[in-house]
Protein backbone atom coordinates (compact mmCIF):
# COMPACT_ATOMS: atom_id res chain seq x y z
CA UNK A 1 0.02 0.00 0.01
CA UNK A 2 1.18 3.54 -0.82
CA UNK A 3 0.59 7.11 -0.99
CA UNK A 4 0.09 9.44 -3.80
CA UNK A 5 1.26 13.03 -4.00
CA UNK A 6 -0.88 14.50 -6.79
CA UNK A 7 -1.83 17.99 -5.95
CA UNK A 8 0.66 18.17 -2.94
CA UNK A 9 3.41 20.90 -2.57
CA UNK A 10 1.17 23.40 -4.60
CA UNK A 11 -0.17 25.51 -1.80
CA UNK A 12 2.15 26.74 0.98
CA UNK A 13 -0.90 26.90 3.52
CA UNK A 14 -1.09 23.21 3.32
CA UNK A 15 2.54 22.28 3.52
CA UNK A 16 2.72 21.24 7.24
CA UNK A 17 -0.55 19.13 6.83
CA UNK A 18 0.85 17.48 3.59
CA UNK A 19 4.07 16.67 5.41
CA UNK A 20 2.38 15.41 8.46
CA UNK A 21 0.16 13.10 6.20
CA UNK A 22 3.17 11.80 4.41
CA UNK A 23 5.02 10.99 7.71
CA UNK A 24 1.76 9.33 9.25
CA UNK A 25 1.56 7.19 6.25
CA UNK A 26 4.95 5.89 6.63
CA UNK A 27 4.41 5.40 10.38
CA UNK A 28 1.46 3.28 9.51
CA UNK A 29 3.69 1.00 7.17
CA UNK A 30 3.08 2.63 3.72
CA UNK A 31 6.70 2.62 2.10
CA UNK A 32 5.68 3.22 -1.42
CA UNK A 33 5.30 7.05 -2.52
CA UNK A 34 3.90 7.90 -5.90
CA UNK A 35 4.93 11.14 -7.59
CA UNK A 36 5.70 12.78 -10.85
CA UNK A 37 7.79 15.62 -12.12
CA UNK A 38 4.63 17.34 -13.35
CA UNK A 39 2.98 17.31 -9.89
CA UNK A 40 3.40 20.89 -9.03
CA UNK A 41 6.29 21.13 -11.40
CA UNK A 42 8.59 19.24 -9.04
CA UNK A 43 6.96 20.84 -5.83
CA UNK A 44 5.51 17.33 -4.80
CA UNK A 45 9.04 15.91 -4.99
CA UNK A 46 10.50 18.57 -3.07
CA UNK A 47 7.81 18.12 -0.30
CA UNK A 48 8.60 14.42 -0.25
CA UNK A 49 12.30 15.13 0.35
CA UNK A 50 11.35 17.52 3.13
CA UNK A 51 9.00 15.01 4.96
CA UNK A 52 10.87 11.96 4.31
CA UNK A 53 14.41 12.49 3.07
CA UNK A 54 16.01 10.83 6.15
CA UNK A 55 13.92 7.59 5.36
CA UNK A 56 14.95 7.45 1.58
CA UNK A 57 16.68 4.05 1.83
CA UNK A 58 13.49 2.66 3.34
CA UNK A 59 11.16 4.01 0.68
CA UNK A 60 10.02 2.98 -2.86
CA UNK A 61 9.50 5.98 -5.06
CA UNK A 62 7.34 5.54 -8.21
CA UNK A 63 7.57 8.52 -10.52
CA UNK A 64 6.44 9.56 -13.98
CA UNK A 65 8.21 11.87 -16.49
CA UNK A 66 6.76 14.40 -18.77
CA UNK A 67 6.22 12.95 -22.39
CA UNK A 68 9.14 15.22 -23.70
CA UNK A 69 11.42 13.27 -21.11
CA UNK A 70 10.37 9.91 -22.08
CA UNK A 71 13.34 9.00 -24.04
CA UNK A 72 16.47 6.98 -23.28
CA UNK A 73 18.41 10.12 -23.54
CA UNK A 74 16.41 12.34 -21.26
CA UNK A 75 14.63 10.06 -18.69
CA UNK A 76 17.74 9.56 -16.30
CA UNK A 77 18.19 13.36 -16.07
CA UNK A 78 14.40 13.91 -15.50
CA UNK A 79 14.67 11.25 -12.63
CA UNK A 80 17.88 12.78 -11.13
CA UNK A 81 16.27 16.34 -11.27
């Protein structure tokens, strides 16, 4: 079971609640986090790092890339970013 992050990281007034939700999910045993570079133009990924960065080695991250980055030459760079 995992957590999705669509619409997360887009509104500053929700940031603390979103961080708390991600941490609560992991505390309850959810180790899969679904995100994408298009979620808030990377803001969701930044939020995940802030909330769970110290647990990175214990989590599975699933991500999606923009269509323009879905090539062998660009995908690795998009994931690193």
